[in-house]
Amino acid sequence: RSRGAKARGFRPVSASCLCVVGGALVRVARLGAIMLLALPLNVIALALRSTGRVPAPRAMAVDAPATLSNAALNAELKMQLLTAAASLDRGQSYNPSSSDAYSQRMSIATGLIEQLVAAGPPLPTSLADLDGEWELVFTDVAHGIFRSSPFFLAIQESYSRAGQPEKAELFFKLHELQTCSWGVSKIGRVAQTIDASSGMLYSEFDTNLLSLTVIPILGWFKLLPTFGGCVITASSAALKEESIEMEVLYTTSRPVPGLSGLRPLPGELGKRIAELIWSLKVPVGAVWKLLPWNKGAPTCAVKLVYFDGDMRIVQDPGGQFFVYSRPVAPRPLDEKLASLGAA
């Protein structure tokens, strides 16, 4: 053994050290050069340090921030959850109003979320930790993923304050039937951008209108053109303990790249009208007071139950989960907010 090692310029090394092997702590004595070559580099370094050949590091290793410490540990759970989310179309495939199809898959996905929450690292205490852009990848809420918007969360809260939470569910069900039936509307990207410096949360969802308007008996051509845009709800936001508290301030919109916007008239006049529509900033407070269920400001809150730096999970007052992830293809709001004069 030593002859072959010497021929290649190696000399046996005697060492005694503690190594992690198969999850157990094992004391290894008299490691030879050939054995060292078969071990991981970190174990080799530990063995050499015990012989005095490698100087000990000058400073102790610093632990990773608590909010990121379990990101790698939960990778398998997160992968399973994202796979379930993809098979359920972010949760839209399950619609209890029409059938129990996919109910088992939805239960599995919700179970994965609960496991992830139980294994989560300590939650952040500052809204700044949540800063940046987030995309909705899954929700187990019924009747529309649009319910992640603070506007609809505020409607839910208003009905709950009035002691009629079941009417909120009826409202969401009817809204989904009116907007998503017969291919009239389809929800695309759903996202949130948090800006702690200004204390704001911007919620977005893309809507594609008339994307499936065909009559198979008459032909496969489209009867009406597809158009749409991105609806933005701006809310003030503050993180208080584990609750993200919001108050809806205004709504606006912006074009979606590659999707025709609302253009009521052709030519330059139509273009100007479309630009005016995109630049509208509609305060919610004035309209909110006219709604029959409202008895206060358009406020709402969700509970932060999981955060590891690249995934964030919140829970609404009804117990439903909304899972957000950092976007693969970001679509910043900076240009839109600058045009509105917002922070």
C-alpha atoms as a PDB file:
ATOM      1  CA  ARG A   1       0.000   0.000   0.000  1.00  0.00           C
ATOM      2  CA  SER A   2       2.715   2.469   1.016  1.00  0.00           C
ATOM      3  CA  ARG A   3       4.973   1.451  -1.912  1.00  0.00           C
ATOM      4  CA  GLY A   4       2.352   2.472  -4.486  1.00  0.00           C
ATOM      5  CA  ALA A   5       1.683   5.669  -2.635  1.00  0.00           C
ATOM      6  CA  LYS A   6       5.394   6.566  -2.440  1.00  0.00           C
ATOM      7  CA  ALA A   7       5.789   5.929  -6.163  1.00  0.00           C
ATOM      8  CA  ARG A   8       3.194   8.621  -6.831  1.00  0.00           C
ATOM      9  CA  GLY A   9       4.750  11.034  -4.347  1.00  0.00           C
ATOM     10  CA  PHE A  10       2.381  10.352  -1.451  1.00  0.00           C
ATOM     11  CA  ARG A  11       3.347   9.447   2.091  1.00  0.00           C
ATOM     12  CA  PRO A  12       1.038   7.767   4.581  1.00  0.00           C
ATOM     13  CA  VAL A  13      -0.487  10.138   7.076  1.00  0.00           C
ATOM     14  CA  SER A  14      -1.376   9.179  10.596  1.00  0.00           C
ATOM     15  CA  ALA A  15      -4.248  11.040  12.089  1.00  0.00           C
ATOM     16  CA  SER A  16      -7.069  10.654  14.497  1.00  0.00           C
ATOM     17  CA  CYS A  17     -10.191  12.698  13.915  1.00  0.00           C
ATOM     18  CA  LEU A  18     -13.951  12.741  14.115  1.00  0.00           C
ATOM     19  CA  CYS A  19     -15.797  12.306  10.803  1.00  0.00           C
ATOM     20  CA  VAL A  20     -19.475  12.263   9.883  1.00  0.00           C
ATOM     21  CA  VAL A  21     -20.170   8.993   8.065  1.00  0.00           C
ATOM     22  CA  GLY A  22     -23.722   8.150   7.073  1.00  0.00           C
ATOM     23  CA  GLY A  23     -25.102  10.680   9.492  1.00  0.00           C
ATOM     24  CA  ALA A  24     -23.128   9.312  12.482  1.00  0.00           C
ATOM     25  CA  LEU A  25     -20.093  10.782  14.219  1.00  0.00           C
ATOM     26  CA  VAL A  26     -17.198   8.278  13.892  1.00  0.00           C
ATOM     27  CA  ARG A  27     -13.593   8.463  15.146  1.00  0.00           C
ATOM     28  CA  VAL A  28     -11.166   7.515  12.368  1.00  0.00           C
ATOM     29  CA  ALA A  29      -7.561   6.579  13.255  1.00  0.00           C
ATOM     30  CA  ARG A  30      -4.391   6.218  11.114  1.00  0.00           C
ATOM     31  CA  LEU A  31      -5.726   7.426   7.773  1.00  0.00           C
ATOM     32  CA  GLY A  32      -3.480   6.421   4.881  1.00  0.00           C
ATOM     33  CA  ALA A  33      -2.965   8.514   1.759  1.00  0.00           C
ATOM     34  CA  ILE A  34      -5.093   6.231  -0.391  1.00  0.00           C
ATOM     35  CA  MET A  35      -7.915   6.384   2.154  1.00  0.00           C
ATOM     36  CA  LEU A  36      -7.642  10.159   2.216  1.00  0.00           C
ATOM     37  CA  LEU A  37      -8.083  10.329  -1.544  1.00  0.00           C
ATOM     38  CA  ALA A  38     -11.421   8.546  -1.220  1.00  0.00           C
ATOM     39  CA  LEU A  39     -12.780  10.943   1.370  1.00  0.00           C
ATOM     40  CA  PRO A  40     -14.529  14.297   0.846  1.00  0.00           C
ATOM     41  CA  LEU A  41     -12.264  17.338   0.834  1.00  0.00           C
ATOM     42  CA  ASN A  42     -13.714  18.747   4.034  1.00  0.00           C
ATOM     43  CA  VAL A  43     -12.976  15.471   5.857  1.00  0.00           C
ATOM     44  CA  ILE A  44      -9.407  15.419   4.430  1.00  0.00           C
ATOM     45  CA  ALA A  45      -8.845  18.969   5.655  1.00  0.00           C
ATOM     46  CA  LEU A  46     -10.082  18.023   9.105  1.00  0.00           C
ATOM     47  CA  ALA A  47      -7.733  15.038   9.203  1.00  0.00           C
ATOM     48  CA  LEU A  48      -4.718  17.069   8.078  1.00  0.00           C
ATOM     49  CA  ARG A  49      -5.440  19.803  10.614  1.00  0.00           C
ATOM     50  CA  SER A  50      -5.346  17.211  13.386  1.00  0.00           C
ATOM     51  CA  THR A  51      -1.741  16.336  12.388  1.00  0.00           C
ATOM     52  CA  GLY A  52      -0.673  19.965  12.402  1.00  0.00           C
ATOM     53  CA  ARG A  53       0.018  20.022   8.631  1.00  0.00           C
ATOM     54  CA  VAL A  54      -2.746  22.523   7.870  1.00  0.00           C
ATOM     55  CA  PRO A  55      -3.057  25.624  10.070  1.00  0.00           C
ATOM     56  CA  ALA A  56      -6.385  26.131  11.778  1.00  0.00           C
ATOM     57  CA  PRO A  57      -8.559  28.937  10.375  1.00  0.00           C
ATOM     58  CA  ARG A  58      -7.992  32.336  11.962  1.00  0.00           C
ATOM     59  CA  ALA A  59     -11.678  33.026  12.550  1.00  0.00           C
ATOM     60  CA  MET A  60     -14.610  30.852  13.469  1.00  0.00           C
ATOM     61  CA  ALA A  61     -17.244  30.172  10.833  1.00  0.00           C
ATOM     62  CA  VAL A  62     -20.246  32.485  10.990  1.00  0.00           C
ATOM     63  CA  ASP A  63     -23.694  30.922  10.921  1.00  0.00           C
ATOM     64  CA  ALA A  64     -25.999  31.826   8.029  1.00  0.00           C
ATOM     65  CA  PRO A  65     -28.838  34.265   8.772  1.00  0.00           C
ATOM     66  CA  ALA A  66     -31.685  32.576  10.604  1.00  0.00           C
ATOM     67  CA  THR A  67     -34.224  33.394   7.890  1.00  0.00           C
ATOM     68  CA  LEU A  68     -32.184  31.470   5.309  1.00  0.00           C
ATOM     69  CA  SER A  69     -30.884  28.612   7.432  1.00  0.00           C
ATOM     70  CA  ASN A  70     -33.474  26.039   6.334  1.00  0.00           C
ATOM     71  CA  ALA A  71     -33.664  26.915   2.625  1.00  0.00           C
ATOM     72  CA  ALA A  72     -31.581  23.895   1.573  1.00  0.00           C
ATOM     73  CA  LEU A  73     -33.091  21.616   4.224  1.00  0.00           C
ATOM     74  CA  ASN A  74     -36.601  22.090   2.818  1.00  0.00           C
ATOM     75  CA  ALA A  75     -35.596  21.752  -0.852  1.00  0.00           C
ATOM     76  CA  GLU A  76     -37.281  18.361  -1.285  1.00  0.00           C
ATOM     77  CA  LEU A  77     -40.553  19.529   0.273  1.00  0.00           C
ATOM     78  CA  LYS A  78     -40.538  22.670  -1.875  1.00  0.00           C
ATOM     79  CA  MET A  79     -39.900  20.636  -5.036  1.00  0.00           C
ATOM     80  CA  GLN A  80     -42.840  18.355  -4.225  1.00  0.00           C
ATOM     81  CA  LEU A  81     -45.054  21.368  -3.569  1.00  0.00           C
ATOM     82  CA  LEU A  82     -44.059  23.071  -6.834  1.00  0.00           C
ATOM     83  CA  THR A  83     -44.724  19.831  -8.744  1.00  0.00           C
ATOM     84  CA  ALA A  84     -48.197  19.593  -7.200  1.00  0.00           C
ATOM     85  CA  ALA A  85     -48.781  23.281  -7.962  1.00  0.00           C
ATOM     86  CA  ALA A  86     -47.905  22.762 -11.630  1.00  0.00           C
ATOM     87  CA  SER A  87     -50.230  19.756 -11.973  1.00  0.00           C
ATOM     88  CA  LEU A  88     -53.066  21.761 -10.377  1.00  0.00           C
ATOM     89  CA  ASP A  89     -52.477  24.914 -12.486  1.00  0.00           C
ATOM     90  CA  ARG A  90     -51.565  26.916  -9.351  1.00  0.00           C
ATOM     91  CA  GLY A  91     -54.710  25.518  -7.708  1.00  0.00           C
ATOM     92  CA  GLN A  92     -57.190  26.535 -10.416  1.00  0.00           C
ATOM     93  CA  SER A  93     -57.890  22.938 -11.525  1.00  0.00           C
ATOM     94  CA  TYR A  94     -59.788  22.241  -8.320  1.00  0.00           C
ATOM     95  CA  ASN A  95     -63.205  23.882  -8.305  1.00  0.00           C
ATOM     96  CA  PRO A  96     -65.512  22.493  -5.600  1.00  0.00           C
ATOM     97  CA  SER A  97     -68.475  24.332  -7.146  1.00  0.00           C
ATOM     98  CA  SER A  98     -68.467  22.066 -10.191  1.00  0.00           C
ATOM     99  CA  SER A  99     -67.036  18.746  -8.939  1.00  0.00           C
ATOM    100  CA  ASP A 100     -64.676  16.984  -6.540  1.00  0.00           C
ATOM    101  CA  ALA A 101     -62.106  16.401  -9.286  1.00  0.00           C
ATOM    102  CA  TYR A 102     -58.534  16.865  -8.047  1.00  0.00           C
ATOM    103  CA  SER A 103     -59.693  17.109  -4.433  1.00  0.00           C
ATOM    104  CA  GLN A 104     -57.192  14.427  -3.383  1.00  0.00           C
ATOM    105  CA  ARG A 105     -54.329  16.245  -5.120  1.00  0.00           C
ATOM    106  CA  MET A 106     -55.372  19.478  -3.446  1.00  0.00           C
ATOM    107  CA  SER A 107     -55.340  17.772  -0.040  1.00  0.00           C
ATOM    108  CA  ILE A 108     -51.834  16.453  -0.721  1.00  0.00           C
ATOM    109  CA  ALA A 109     -50.622  19.921  -1.729  1.00  0.00           C
ATOM    110  CA  THR A 110     -52.124  21.489   1.398  1.00  0.00           C
ATOM    111  CA  GLY A 111     -50.457  18.774   3.482  1.00  0.00           C
ATOM    112  CA  LEU A 112     -47.093  19.614   1.915  1.00  0.00           C
ATOM    113  CA  ILE A 113     -47.595  23.274   2.832  1.00  0.00           C
ATOM    114  CA  GLU A 114     -48.337  22.333   6.431  1.00  0.00           C
ATOM    115  CA  GLN A 115     -45.166  20.212   6.569  1.00  0.00           C
ATOM    116  CA  LEU A 116     -43.162  23.082   5.121  1.00  0.00           C
ATOM    117  CA  VAL A 117     -44.582  25.529   7.661  1.00  0.00           C
ATOM    118  CA  ALA A 118     -43.732  23.142  10.501  1.00  0.00           C
ATOM    119  CA  ALA A 119     -40.121  22.840   9.250  1.00  0.00           C
ATOM    120  CA  GLY A 120     -39.690  26.548   8.545  1.00  0.00           C
ATOM    121  CA  PRO A 121     -36.936  28.768   9.942  1.00  0.00           C
ATOM    122  CA  PRO A 122     -37.689  31.693  12.274  1.00  0.00           C
ATOM    123  CA  LEU A 123     -39.906  34.297  10.655  1.00  0.00           C
ATOM    124  CA  PRO A 124     -38.547  37.773   9.871  1.00  0.00           C
ATOM    125  CA  THR A 125     -39.480  40.707  12.050  1.00  0.00           C
ATOM    126  CA  SER A 126     -39.007  43.448   9.449  1.00  0.00           C
ATOM    127  CA  LEU A 127     -40.939  44.107   6.254  1.00  0.00           C
ATOM    128  CA  ALA A 128     -37.591  44.860   4.587  1.00  0.00           C
ATOM    129  CA  ASP A 129     -36.765  41.133   4.704  1.00  0.00           C
ATOM    130  CA  LEU A 130     -39.719  40.534   2.358  1.00  0.00           C
ATOM    131  CA  ASP A 131     -38.698  43.261  -0.102  1.00  0.00           C
ATOM    132  CA  GLY A 132     -38.858  42.680  -3.831  1.00  0.00           C
ATOM    133  CA  GLU A 133     -40.944  40.857  -6.414  1.00  0.00           C
ATOM    134  CA  TRP A 134     -42.892  37.667  -5.690  1.00  0.00           C
ATOM    135  CA  GLU A 135     -45.004  35.487  -8.002  1.00  0.00           C
ATOM    136  CA  LEU A 136     -47.930  33.370  -6.853  1.00  0.00           C
ATOM    137  CA  VAL A 137     -47.195  29.707  -7.607  1.00  0.00           C
ATOM    138  CA  PHE A 138     -50.022  28.028  -5.688  1.00  0.00           C
ATOM    139  CA  THR A 139     -53.087  28.577  -3.543  1.00  0.00           C
ATOM    140  CA  ASP A 140     -55.633  26.185  -2.079  1.00  0.00           C
ATOM    141  CA  VAL A 141     -58.319  28.883  -2.011  1.00  0.00           C
ATOM    142  CA  ALA A 142     -61.531  28.161  -3.911  1.00  0.00           C
ATOM    143  CA  HIS A 143     -63.119  30.379  -6.565  1.00  0.00           C
ATOM    144  CA  GLY A 144     -60.229  32.250  -8.099  1.00  0.00           C
ATOM    145  CA  ILE A 145     -56.543  32.922  -7.543  1.00  0.00           C
ATOM    146  CA  PHE A 146     -57.422  36.627  -7.907  1.00  0.00           C
ATOM    147  CA  ARG A 147     -58.311  36.413  -4.205  1.00  0.00           C
ATOM    148  CA  SER A 148     -54.646  36.974  -3.362  1.00  0.00           C
ATOM    149  CA  SER A 149     -55.242  40.667  -4.144  1.00  0.00           C
ATOM    150  CA  PRO A 150     -55.680  42.906  -1.066  1.00  0.00           C
ATOM    151  CA  PHE A 151     -58.819  44.321  -2.699  1.00  0.00           C
ATOM    152  CA  PHE A 152     -60.594  40.951  -2.524  1.00  0.00           C
ATOM    153  CA  LEU A 153     -59.063  40.194   0.866  1.00  0.00           C
ATOM    154  CA  ALA A 154     -60.572  43.478   2.091  1.00  0.00           C
ATOM    155  CA  ILE A 155     -63.992  42.390   0.791  1.00  0.00           C
ATOM    156  CA  GLN A 156     -63.609  39.141   2.726  1.00  0.00           C
ATOM    157  CA  GLU A 157     -62.645  41.082   5.850  1.00  0.00           C
ATOM    158  CA  SER A 158     -65.621  43.451   5.503  1.00  0.00           C
ATOM    159  CA  TYR A 159     -68.120  40.599   5.337  1.00  0.00           C
ATOM    160  CA  SER A 160     -66.420  38.948   8.324  1.00  0.00           C
ATOM    161  CA  ARG A 161     -66.688  42.169  10.350  1.00  0.00           C
ATOM    162  CA  ALA A 162     -70.380  42.273   9.481  1.00  0.00           C
ATOM    163  CA  GLY A 163     -70.776  38.698  10.753  1.00  0.00           C
ATOM    164  CA  GLN A 164     -71.551  37.295   7.293  1.00  0.00           C
ATOM    165  CA  PRO A 165     -68.362  35.545   6.045  1.00  0.00           C
ATOM    166  CA  GLU A 166     -70.421  33.117   3.935  1.00  0.00           C
ATOM    167  CA  LYS A 167     -71.570  36.021   1.746  1.00  0.00           C
ATOM    168  CA  ALA A 168     -67.952  36.724   0.834  1.00  0.00           C
ATOM    169  CA  GLU A 169     -67.625  33.162  -0.487  1.00  0.00           C
ATOM    170  CA  LEU A 170     -70.806  33.643  -2.523  1.00  0.00           C
ATOM    171  CA  PHE A 171     -69.449  36.923  -3.904  1.00  0.00           C
ATOM    172  CA  PHE A 172     -66.185  35.263  -5.009  1.00  0.00           C
ATOM    173  CA  LYS A 173     -68.057  32.350  -6.555  1.00  0.00           C
ATOM    174  CA  LEU A 174     -70.322  34.655  -8.575  1.00  0.00           C
ATOM    175  CA  HIS A 175     -67.383  36.846  -9.599  1.00  0.00           C
ATOM    176  CA  GLU A 176     -65.517  33.793 -10.886  1.00  0.00           C
ATOM    177  CA  LEU A 177     -68.565  32.601 -12.835  1.00  0.00           C
ATOM    178  CA  GLN A 178     -69.083  36.034 -14.381  1.00  0.00           C
ATOM    179  CA  THR A 179     -65.486  36.646 -15.407  1.00  0.00           C
ATOM    180  CA  CYS A 180     -64.009  33.211 -16.139  1.00  0.00           C
ATOM    181  CA  SER A 181     -66.848  31.306 -17.819  1.00  0.00           C
ATOM    182  CA  TRP A 182     -66.930  30.577 -21.561  1.00  0.00           C
ATOM    183  CA  GLY A 183     -63.395  31.799 -22.082  1.00  0.00           C
ATOM    184  CA  VAL A 184     -64.338  35.420 -21.440  1.00  0.00           C
ATOM    185  CA  SER A 185     -61.398  35.968 -19.091  1.00  0.00           C
ATOM    186  CA  LYS A 186     -58.301  34.026 -18.125  1.00  0.00           C
ATOM    187  CA  ILE A 187     -55.943  34.853 -15.252  1.00  0.00           C
ATOM    188  CA  GLY A 188     -52.255  34.897 -16.150  1.00  0.00           C
ATOM    189  CA  ARG A 189     -49.353  35.964 -13.978  1.00  0.00           C
ATOM    190  CA  VAL A 190     -50.227  36.870 -10.368  1.00  0.00           C
ATOM    191  CA  ALA A 191     -47.555  38.731  -8.416  1.00  0.00           C
ATOM    192  CA  GLN A 192     -46.738  41.058  -5.544  1.00  0.00           C
ATOM    193  CA  THR A 193     -43.994  43.637  -5.095  1.00  0.00           C
ATOM    194  CA  ILE A 194     -43.111  44.756  -1.577  1.00  0.00           C
ATOM    195  CA  ASP A 195     -41.341  48.079  -1.017  1.00  0.00           C
ATOM    196  CA  ALA A 196     -40.572  48.402   2.679  1.00  0.00           C
ATOM    197  CA  SER A 197     -38.915  51.814   2.291  1.00  0.00           C
ATOM    198  CA  SER A 198     -42.264  53.337   1.313  1.00  0.00           C
ATOM    199  CA  GLY A 199     -44.383  50.863   3.284  1.00  0.00           C
ATOM    200  CA  MET A 200     -46.210  49.677   0.160  1.00  0.00           C
ATOM    201  CA  LEU A 201     -47.361  46.381  -1.324  1.00  0.00           C
ATOM    202  CA  TYR A 202     -48.340  46.271  -5.008  1.00  0.00           C
ATOM    203  CA  SER A 203     -50.496  43.328  -6.072  1.00  0.00           C
ATOM    204  CA  GLU A 204     -50.802  42.443  -9.767  1.00  0.00           C
ATOM    205  CA  PHE A 205     -52.703  40.007 -11.915  1.00  0.00           C
ATOM    206  CA  ASP A 206     -52.727  39.690 -15.698  1.00  0.00           C
ATOM    207  CA  THR A 207     -56.086  39.164 -17.341  1.00  0.00           C
ATOM    208  CA  ASN A 208     -56.560  37.880 -20.893  1.00  0.00           C
ATOM    209  CA  LEU A 209     -59.976  38.738 -22.300  1.00  0.00           C
ATOM    210  CA  LEU A 210     -61.737  36.762 -25.049  1.00  0.00           C
ATOM    211  CA  SER A 211     -58.894  34.254 -25.380  1.00  0.00           C
ATOM    212  CA  LEU A 212     -61.180  31.317 -26.328  1.00  0.00           C
ATOM    213  CA  THR A 213     -63.904  32.929 -28.441  1.00  0.00           C
ATOM    214  CA  VAL A 214     -64.503  30.353 -31.183  1.00  0.00           C
ATOM    215  CA  ILE A 215     -67.547  28.402 -32.390  1.00  0.00           C
ATOM    216  CA  PRO A 216     -66.402  24.907 -33.476  1.00  0.00           C
ATOM    217  CA  ILE A 217     -69.512  24.227 -35.591  1.00  0.00           C
ATOM    218  CA  LEU A 218     -68.894  27.304 -37.738  1.00  0.00           C
ATOM    219  CA  GLY A 219     -65.112  26.992 -37.849  1.00  0.00           C
ATOM    220  CA  TRP A 220     -61.987  27.347 -35.805  1.00  0.00           C
ATOM    221  CA  PHE A 221     -61.340  31.022 -36.448  1.00  0.00           C
ATOM    222  CA  LYS A 222     -61.520  33.533 -33.594  1.00  0.00           C
ATOM    223  CA  LEU A 223     -64.636  35.667 -33.519  1.00  0.00           C
ATOM    224  CA  LEU A 224     -63.107  38.437 -31.400  1.00  0.00           C
ATOM    225  CA  PRO A 225     -59.520  39.549 -30.786  1.00  0.00           C
ATOM    226  CA  THR A 226     -57.779  38.722 -27.520  1.00  0.00           C
ATOM    227  CA  PHE A 227     -56.761  41.685 -25.414  1.00  0.00           C
ATOM    228  CA  GLY A 228     -56.091  42.464 -21.784  1.00  0.00           C
ATOM    229  CA  GLY A 229     -53.658  43.953 -19.336  1.00  0.00           C
ATOM    230  CA  CYS A 230     -52.261  43.903 -15.831  1.00  0.00           C
ATOM    231  CA  VAL A 231     -54.439  45.150 -12.959  1.00  0.00           C
ATOM    232  CA  ILE A 232     -52.455  46.660 -10.076  1.00  0.00           C
ATOM    233  CA  THR A 233     -53.754  47.216  -6.546  1.00  0.00           C
ATOM    234  CA  ALA A 234     -51.612  49.472  -4.358  1.00  0.00           C
ATOM    235  CA  SER A 235     -51.839  49.093  -0.583  1.00  0.00           C
ATOM    236  CA  SER A 236     -49.983  50.353   2.429  1.00  0.00           C
ATOM    237  CA  ALA A 237     -48.324  47.483   4.288  1.00  0.00           C
ATOM    238  CA  ALA A 238     -46.755  46.863   7.683  1.00  0.00           C
ATOM    239  CA  LEU A 239     -45.414  43.705   9.312  1.00  0.00           C
ATOM    240  CA  LYS A 240     -46.692  43.467  12.885  1.00  0.00           C
ATOM    241  CA  GLU A 241     -45.494  40.305  14.606  1.00  0.00           C
ATOM    242  CA  GLU A 242     -46.589  37.586  12.133  1.00  0.00           C
ATOM    243  CA  SER A 243     -49.277  39.645  10.403  1.00  0.00           C
ATOM    244  CA  ILE A 244     -48.943  41.672   7.198  1.00  0.00           C
ATOM    245  CA  GLU A 245     -51.527  44.426   7.653  1.00  0.00           C
ATOM    246  CA  MET A 246     -52.695  46.305   4.556  1.00  0.00           C
ATOM    247  CA  GLU A 247     -55.020  49.117   3.537  1.00  0.00           C
ATOM    248  CA  VAL A 248     -56.027  49.390  -0.116  1.00  0.00           C
ATOM    249  CA  LEU A 249     -55.252  52.851  -1.527  1.00  0.00           C
ATOM    250  CA  TYR A 250     -55.810  52.784  -5.290  1.00  0.00           C
ATOM    251  CA  THR A 251     -55.914  50.630  -8.405  1.00  0.00           C
ATOM    252  CA  THR A 252     -54.246  51.175 -11.756  1.00  0.00           C
ATOM    253  CA  SER A 253     -53.091  49.087 -14.715  1.00  0.00           C
ATOM    254  CA  ARG A 254     -50.299  48.587 -17.212  1.00  0.00           C
ATOM    255  CA  PRO A 255     -49.863  46.731 -20.522  1.00  0.00           C
ATOM    256  CA  VAL A 256     -48.710  43.113 -20.627  1.00  0.00           C
ATOM    257  CA  PRO A 257     -45.808  42.562 -23.055  1.00  0.00           C
ATOM    258  CA  GLY A 258     -47.054  40.712 -26.139  1.00  0.00           C
ATOM    259  CA  LEU A 259     -50.752  41.178 -25.327  1.00  0.00           C
ATOM    260  CA  SER A 260     -52.920  43.708 -27.141  1.00  0.00           C
ATOM    261  CA  GLY A 261     -54.274  46.332 -24.796  1.00  0.00           C
ATOM    262  CA  LEU A 262     -57.680  47.952 -24.721  1.00  0.00           C
ATOM    263  CA  ARG A 263     -57.876  50.200 -27.797  1.00  0.00           C
ATOM    264  CA  PRO A 264     -61.464  51.351 -28.404  1.00  0.00           C
ATOM    265  CA  LEU A 265     -60.685  53.277 -31.618  1.00  0.00           C
ATOM    266  CA  PRO A 266     -58.115  52.780 -34.395  1.00  0.00           C
ATOM    267  CA  GLY A 267     -55.376  55.238 -35.277  1.00  0.00           C
ATOM    268  CA  GLU A 268     -53.683  57.889 -33.190  1.00  0.00           C
ATOM    269  CA  LEU A 269     -56.868  58.782 -31.294  1.00  0.00           C
ATOM    270  CA  GLY A 270     -57.293  55.179 -30.164  1.00  0.00           C
ATOM    271  CA  LYS A 271     -53.670  55.086 -29.041  1.00  0.00           C
ATOM    272  CA  ARG A 272     -54.124  58.209 -26.922  1.00  0.00           C
ATOM    273  CA  ILE A 273     -57.282  56.829 -25.318  1.00  0.00           C
ATOM    274  CA  ALA A 274     -55.462  53.588 -24.500  1.00  0.00           C
ATOM    275  CA  GLU A 275     -52.562  55.503 -22.935  1.00  0.00           C
ATOM    276  CA  LEU A 276     -55.057  57.471 -20.850  1.00  0.00           C
ATOM    277  CA  ILE A 277     -56.636  54.239 -19.612  1.00  0.00           C
ATOM    278  CA  TRP A 278     -53.243  52.806 -18.623  1.00  0.00           C
ATOM    279  CA  SER A 279     -52.367  55.984 -16.728  1.00  0.00           C
ATOM    280  CA  LEU A 280     -55.568  56.084 -14.658  1.00  0.00           C
ATOM    281  CA  LYS A 281     -55.101  55.934 -10.892  1.00  0.00           C
ATOM    282  CA  VAL A 282     -58.437  55.190  -9.234  1.00  0.00           C
ATOM    283  CA  PRO A 283     -58.687  55.806  -5.455  1.00  0.00           C
ATOM    284  CA  VAL A 284     -60.461  52.942  -3.727  1.00  0.00           C
ATOM    285  CA  GLY A 285     -61.635  54.788  -0.621  1.00  0.00           C
ATOM    286  CA  ALA A 286     -64.363  56.845  -2.331  1.00  0.00           C
ATOM    287  CA  VAL A 287     -65.823  53.825  -4.135  1.00  0.00           C
ATOM    288  CA  TRP A 288     -65.463  51.604  -1.087  1.00  0.00           C
ATOM    289  CA  LYS A 289     -67.854  53.707   0.975  1.00  0.00           C
ATOM    290  CA  LEU A 290     -70.600  53.094  -1.590  1.00  0.00           C
ATOM    291  CA  LEU A 291     -70.431  49.300  -1.314  1.00  0.00           C
ATOM    292  CA  PRO A 292     -73.296  47.788   0.717  1.00  0.00           C
ATOM    293  CA  TRP A 293     -71.119  45.444   2.792  1.00  0.00           C
ATOM    294  CA  ASN A 294     -68.587  48.069   3.841  1.00  0.00           C
ATOM    295  CA  LYS A 295     -68.543  49.637   7.298  1.00  0.00           C
ATOM    296  CA  GLY A 296     -64.963  50.872   7.466  1.00  0.00           C
ATOM    297  CA  ALA A 297     -61.713  51.395   5.591  1.00  0.00           C
ATOM    298  CA  PRO A 298     -60.613  48.828   2.958  1.00  0.00           C
ATOM    299  CA  THR A 299     -58.238  46.986   5.273  1.00  0.00           C
ATOM    300  CA  CYS A 300     -57.114  43.378   5.420  1.00  0.00           C
ATOM    301  CA  ALA A 301     -54.375  41.202   6.869  1.00  0.00           C
ATOM    302  CA  VAL A 302     -52.687  37.889   6.142  1.00  0.00           C
ATOM    303  CA  LYS A 303     -50.548  35.800   8.460  1.00  0.00           C
ATOM    304  CA  LEU A 304     -46.948  35.138   7.440  1.00  0.00           C
ATOM    305  CA  VAL A 305     -46.381  31.436   8.158  1.00  0.00           C
ATOM    306  CA  TYR A 306     -43.223  30.608   6.164  1.00  0.00           C
ATOM    307  CA  PHE A 307     -40.242  32.479   4.716  1.00  0.00           C
ATOM    308  CA  ASP A 308     -36.806  31.235   3.684  1.00  0.00           C
ATOM    309  CA  GLY A 309     -35.624  33.929   1.302  1.00  0.00           C
ATOM    310  CA  ASP A 310     -36.922  32.484  -1.968  1.00  0.00           C
ATOM    311  CA  MET A 311     -40.351  31.209  -0.896  1.00  0.00           C
ATOM    312  CA  ARG A 312     -43.008  32.995   1.137  1.00  0.00           C
ATOM    313  CA  ILE A 313     -46.301  31.522   2.368  1.00  0.00           C
ATOM    314  CA  VAL A 314     -49.159  33.512   3.876  1.00  0.00           C
ATOM    315  CA  GLN A 315     -52.532  32.437   5.252  1.00  0.00           C
ATOM    316  CA  ASP A 316     -55.764  34.410   4.946  1.00  0.00           C
ATOM    317  CA  PRO A 317     -58.344  34.712   7.759  1.00  0.00           C
ATOM    318  CA  GLY A 318     -60.244  31.741   6.307  1.00  0.00           C
ATOM    319  CA  GLY A 319     -57.220  29.457   6.686  1.00  0.00           C
ATOM    320  CA  GLN A 320     -56.323  29.239   2.979  1.00  0.00           C
ATOM    321  CA  PHE A 321     -52.685  29.393   1.899  1.00  0.00           C
ATOM    322  CA  PHE A 322     -51.003  31.532  -0.768  1.00  0.00           C
ATOM    323  CA  VAL A 323     -47.535  30.395  -1.845  1.00  0.00           C
ATOM    324  CA  TYR A 324     -45.176  32.910  -3.465  1.00  0.00           C
ATOM    325  CA  SER A 325     -41.747  32.386  -4.984  1.00  0.00           C
ATOM    326  CA  ARG A 326     -39.050  34.669  -6.344  1.00  0.00           C
ATOM    327  CA  PRO A 327     -39.676  35.074 -10.112  1.00  0.00           C
ATOM    328  CA  VAL A 328     -37.542  33.356 -12.737  1.00  0.00           C
ATOM    329  CA  ALA A 329     -38.375  36.135 -15.223  1.00  0.00           C
ATOM    330  CA  PRO A 330     -38.850  39.353 -13.203  1.00  0.00           C
ATOM    331  CA  ARG A 331     -41.154  42.115 -14.435  1.00  0.00           C
ATOM    332  CA  PRO A 332     -40.284  45.156 -12.300  1.00  0.00           C
ATOM    333  CA  LEU A 333     -42.806  47.881 -11.504  1.00  0.00           C
ATOM    334  CA  ASP A 334     -40.256  50.704 -11.397  1.00  0.00           C
ATOM    335  CA  GLU A 335     -41.232  52.342 -14.694  1.00  0.00           C
ATOM    336  CA  LYS A 336     -44.956  52.186 -13.933  1.00  0.00           C
ATOM    337  CA  LEU A 337     -44.560  53.620 -10.432  1.00  0.00           C
ATOM    338  CA  ALA A 338     -42.341  56.407 -11.745  1.00  0.00           C
ATOM    339  CA  SER A 339     -45.044  57.389 -14.255  1.00  0.00           C
ATOM    340  CA  LEU A 340     -47.572  57.596 -11.406  1.00  0.00           C
ATOM    341  CA  GLY A 341     -45.238  59.559  -9.196  1.00  0.00           C
ATOM    342  CA  ALA A 342     -45.387  56.800  -6.593  1.00  0.00           C
ATOM    343  CA  ALA A 343     -42.530  55.741  -4.361  1.00  0.00           C
END
